[in-house]
Amino acid sequence: MELNACSPTLHIAQLDFHFPTHSVFQGFNQQFGPGVTWLRGANGAGKTTLLKLAGGALLPASGTIRLDDVDSAHTPLAYRAQTFYCGGDAPALPWLQVREFLDLHLALYPGSDESLLNAELDAFALLPSLQQGITALSLGQHKKLQLALALALPVHLLLIDEPFNGLDAAAMAHLRARLADPARLARQCIVLTSHLEPQLPLAATVEL
């Protein structure tokens, strides 16, 4: 199984997923190529659910999800090592300091560069918070913390739910610039949801 680092593509085929009260996806097929894809849809259409399925946070009832030839079900560790899901929720690790939380992620992703992460933390004004407990951060800081990881980790599939929600103007401008970087667009498959027009070079728009 191989990953094409130059043009990673997410393949979703015959996907079924159901909550106890209703079905979200039945026989869903979609392909996401390199660059940015904006996933649009009304509330309840399944945008966040699809990102969590693609990120491995939820398991489908049936169907396949693979990044190039790396199958999320057959080789889950290899798949997740190339994937990062950014939802903006507070992490369920209240006993950790911010630095410990970041070190955990650096250890989970081979090839991570701590200097790149520190540069993103600096851009989001988070360096003064590294010794704080993770629960001391505001919701906006949690969002920036996950975005810093998303921008720094050496993954090929980047999944970001509502990336611009809760950001100040400076953070929003930085995020847009980093997501529009041509080198990033060539090496990553980026799927984002947003209620706002993202104002980014879009490879595609997918409606749910």
Protein backbone atom coordinates (compact mmCIF):
# COMPACT_ATOMS: atom_id res chain seq x y z
CA MET A 1 0.00 0.00 0.00
CA GLU A 2 1.43 3.32 -1.05
CA LEU A 3 0.68 6.99 -0.60
CA ASN A 4 1.32 9.43 -3.41
CA ALA A 5 2.90 12.30 -1.51
CA CYS A 6 2.69 14.61 -4.52
CA SER A 7 -1.06 14.35 -5.08
CA PRO A 8 -2.85 12.63 -2.17
CA THR A 9 -6.47 11.68 -2.86
CA LEU A 10 -9.17 10.63 -0.41
CA HIS A 11 -11.48 7.95 -1.80
CA ILE A 12 -14.85 7.23 -0.15
CA ALA A 13 -16.90 4.39 -1.66
CA GLN A 14 -20.29 2.92 -0.79
CA LEU A 15 -20.23 4.54 2.64
CA ASP A 16 -23.04 3.72 5.06
CA PHE A 17 -23.32 5.36 8.47
CA HIS A 18 -26.27 5.46 10.85
CA PHE A 19 -27.05 7.08 14.16
CA PRO A 20 -29.58 5.22 16.35
CA THR A 21 -32.33 7.61 15.26
CA HIS A 22 -31.54 8.07 11.57
CA SER A 23 -29.24 7.26 8.67
CA VAL A 24 -26.71 9.88 7.58
CA PHE A 25 -25.04 8.18 4.62
CA GLN A 26 -26.26 5.33 2.43
CA GLY A 27 -24.07 4.23 -0.46
CA PHE A 28 -22.20 7.55 -0.42
CA ASN A 29 -19.38 7.95 -2.95
CA GLN A 30 -16.97 10.87 -3.17
CA GLN A 31 -13.38 11.63 -4.07
CA PHE A 32 -11.32 14.53 -2.72
CA GLY A 33 -8.13 15.45 -4.55
CA PRO A 34 -5.11 17.51 -3.53
CA GLY A 35 -5.67 21.13 -2.59
CA VAL A 36 -8.64 22.58 -0.73
CA THR A 37 -12.17 21.25 -1.04
CA TRP A 38 -15.01 23.18 0.57
CA LEU A 39 -17.69 20.81 1.91
CA ARG A 40 -21.02 22.64 1.97
CA GLY A 41 -24.43 21.66 3.26
CA ALA A 42 -27.27 22.64 5.56
CA ASN A 43 -27.10 21.96 9.29
CA GLY A 44 -27.65 18.26 9.82
CA ALA A 45 -26.53 17.29 6.32
CA GLY A 46 -23.59 15.29 7.71
CA LYS A 47 -20.58 17.57 7.13
CA THR A 48 -19.01 17.07 10.56
CA THR A 49 -19.93 13.37 10.55
CA LEU A 50 -18.17 12.88 7.22
CA LEU A 51 -15.02 14.58 8.48
CA LYS A 52 -15.02 12.42 11.62
CA LEU A 53 -15.48 9.29 9.51
CA ALA A 54 -12.60 10.33 7.25
CA GLY A 55 -10.50 11.14 10.32
CA GLY A 56 -11.16 7.82 12.05
CA ALA A 57 -13.13 9.30 14.96
CA LEU A 58 -16.24 7.43 13.77
CA LEU A 59 -16.48 4.01 12.12
CA PRO A 60 -18.73 3.40 9.11
CA ALA A 61 -21.30 0.62 9.09
CA SER A 62 -19.95 -0.39 5.68
CA GLY A 63 -17.99 0.97 2.76
CA THR A 64 -14.37 1.99 2.32
CA ILE A 65 -12.34 5.09 3.16
CA ARG A 66 -8.79 5.23 1.88
CA LEU A 67 -6.06 7.77 1.28
CA ASP A 68 -4.56 6.68 -2.03
CA ASP A 69 -3.91 2.96 -1.34
CA VAL A 70 -3.91 3.25 2.46
CA ASP A 71 -7.20 1.81 3.72
CA SER A 72 -8.57 3.23 6.98
CA ALA A 73 -10.03 -0.13 8.05
CA HIS A 74 -7.27 -2.51 6.94
CA THR A 75 -4.28 -0.40 8.05
CA PRO A 76 -5.73 2.08 10.58
CA LEU A 77 -2.42 3.09 12.18
CA ALA A 78 -0.79 3.90 8.84
CA TYR A 79 -3.92 5.77 7.76
CA ARG A 80 -4.17 7.86 10.92
CA ALA A 81 -0.46 8.71 10.82
CA GLN A 82 -1.21 10.58 7.58
CA THR A 83 -4.45 12.20 8.76
CA PHE A 84 -5.38 15.01 11.16
CA TYR A 85 -8.92 16.01 12.10
CA CYS A 86 -9.39 19.49 13.56
CA GLY A 87 -12.79 19.97 15.14
CA GLY A 88 -12.03 22.74 17.60
CA ASP A 89 -13.45 20.92 20.62
CA ALA A 90 -11.62 20.99 23.93
CA PRO A 91 -9.45 17.85 24.24
CA ALA A 92 -10.56 15.26 26.77
CA LEU A 93 -7.18 15.29 28.55
CA PRO A 94 -7.72 17.75 31.41
CA TRP A 95 -4.65 16.66 33.39
CA LEU A 96 -2.17 17.73 30.69
CA GLN A 97 -0.36 21.01 30.27
CA VAL A 98 -0.49 22.59 26.82
CA ARG A 99 3.14 21.63 26.13
CA GLU A 100 2.44 18.01 27.12
CA PHE A 101 -0.59 17.92 24.84
CA LEU A 102 1.54 19.15 21.94
CA ASP A 103 4.39 16.74 22.71
CA LEU A 104 1.90 13.87 22.61
CA HIS A 105 0.89 14.80 19.07
CA LEU A 106 4.48 15.28 17.94
CA ALA A 107 5.22 11.74 19.13
CA LEU A 108 2.20 10.32 17.30
CA TYR A 109 3.16 11.77 13.91
CA PRO A 110 6.53 10.54 12.57
CA GLY A 111 8.62 13.25 10.95
CA SER A 112 7.09 16.11 12.94
CA ASP A 113 9.20 19.27 13.19
CA GLU A 114 8.88 21.01 16.55
CA SER A 115 10.27 24.24 15.12
CA LEU A 116 7.43 24.38 12.58
CA LEU A 117 4.90 23.85 15.34
CA ASN A 118 6.51 26.59 17.47
CA ALA A 119 6.26 28.98 14.52
CA GLU A 120 2.54 28.27 14.20
CA LEU A 121 2.04 28.65 17.95
CA ASP A 122 3.80 32.01 17.78
CA ALA A 123 1.59 33.13 14.88
CA PHE A 124 -1.51 32.26 16.92
CA ALA A 125 -0.05 33.99 20.05
CA LEU A 126 -0.02 30.74 22.04
CA LEU A 127 3.63 30.51 23.12
CA PRO A 128 2.93 32.21 26.50
CA SER A 129 0.34 29.49 27.27
CA LEU A 130 2.58 26.42 26.95
CA GLN A 131 2.96 25.85 30.70
CA GLN A 132 -0.75 26.30 31.45
CA GLY A 133 -3.11 23.41 32.05
CA ILE A 134 -5.11 22.52 28.97
CA THR A 135 -8.34 23.35 30.81
CA ALA A 136 -7.15 26.93 31.39
CA LEU A 137 -7.44 27.76 27.69
CA SER A 138 -10.47 29.53 26.29
CA LEU A 139 -12.48 27.92 23.51
CA GLY A 140 -10.82 30.28 21.04
CA GLN A 141 -7.39 29.23 22.26
CA HIS A 142 -8.35 25.56 21.93
CA LYS A 143 -9.30 26.24 18.33
CA LYS A 144 -6.00 27.98 17.64
CA LEU A 145 -4.08 25.17 19.35
CA GLN A 146 -5.61 22.56 17.06
CA LEU A 147 -5.12 24.76 14.01
CA ALA A 148 -1.43 25.17 14.90
CA LEU A 149 -1.12 21.39 14.95
CA ALA A 150 -3.08 21.08 11.72
CA LEU A 151 -0.74 23.48 9.93
CA ALA A 152 2.47 21.99 11.34
CA LEU A 153 2.01 18.22 11.30
CA PRO A 154 3.41 16.32 8.28
CA VAL A 155 0.10 14.76 7.21
CA HIS A 156 -1.33 14.26 3.72
CA LEU A 157 -5.01 14.49 4.71
CA LEU A 158 -6.16 17.55 6.66
CA LEU A 159 -9.79 17.74 7.83
CA ILE A 160 -10.93 21.04 9.38
CA ASP A 161 -14.47 21.66 10.66
CA GLU A 162 -15.45 25.36 10.59
CA PRO A 163 -11.83 26.61 10.56
CA PHE A 164 -12.68 30.32 10.78
CA ASN A 165 -15.21 30.18 13.63
CA GLY A 166 -14.14 32.09 16.73
CA LEU A 167 -10.93 33.49 15.23
CA ASP A 168 -9.83 37.10 15.50
CA ALA A 169 -8.89 38.99 12.34
CA ALA A 170 -5.14 38.35 12.65
CA ALA A 171 -5.59 34.60 13.19
CA MET A 172 -8.05 34.38 10.30
CA ALA A 173 -5.63 36.16 7.96
CA HIS A 174 -2.78 33.85 9.01
CA LEU A 175 -4.89 30.72 8.50
CA ARG A 176 -6.06 31.83 5.05
CA ALA A 177 -2.49 32.56 3.99
CA ARG A 178 -1.20 29.19 5.21
CA LEU A 179 -4.03 27.25 3.56
CA ALA A 180 -3.40 29.08 0.29
CA ASP A 181 0.31 28.22 0.19
CA PRO A 182 0.99 26.54 -3.21
CA ALA A 183 3.40 24.00 -1.71
CA ARG A 184 0.76 22.93 0.82
CA LEU A 185 -1.92 22.69 -1.85
CA ALA A 186 0.29 20.33 -3.85
CA ARG A 187 1.17 17.98 -0.99
CA GLN A 188 -2.07 17.85 1.02
CA CYS A 189 -5.69 16.91 0.53
CA ILE A 190 -7.55 19.51 2.62
CA VAL A 191 -11.28 19.20 3.28
CA LEU A 192 -12.97 21.97 5.22
CA THR A 193 -16.50 22.92 6.18
CA SER A 194 -17.57 26.51 6.66
CA HIS A 195 -20.68 28.65 6.87
CA LEU A 196 -18.52 31.45 5.48
CA GLU A 197 -17.07 31.80 2.00
CA PRO A 198 -13.54 30.58 2.71
CA GLN A 199 -11.92 32.87 0.10
CA LEU A 200 -9.29 30.26 -0.69
CA PRO A 201 -8.06 28.67 -3.91
CA LEU A 202 -10.55 25.82 -4.09
CA ALA A 203 -9.86 22.58 -5.90
CA ALA A 204 -13.54 21.71 -5.65
CA THR A 205 -16.81 22.40 -3.87
CA VAL A 206 -18.81 19.40 -2.67
CA GLU A 207 -22.47 19.74 -1.69
CA LEU A 208 -24.07 17.41 0.86
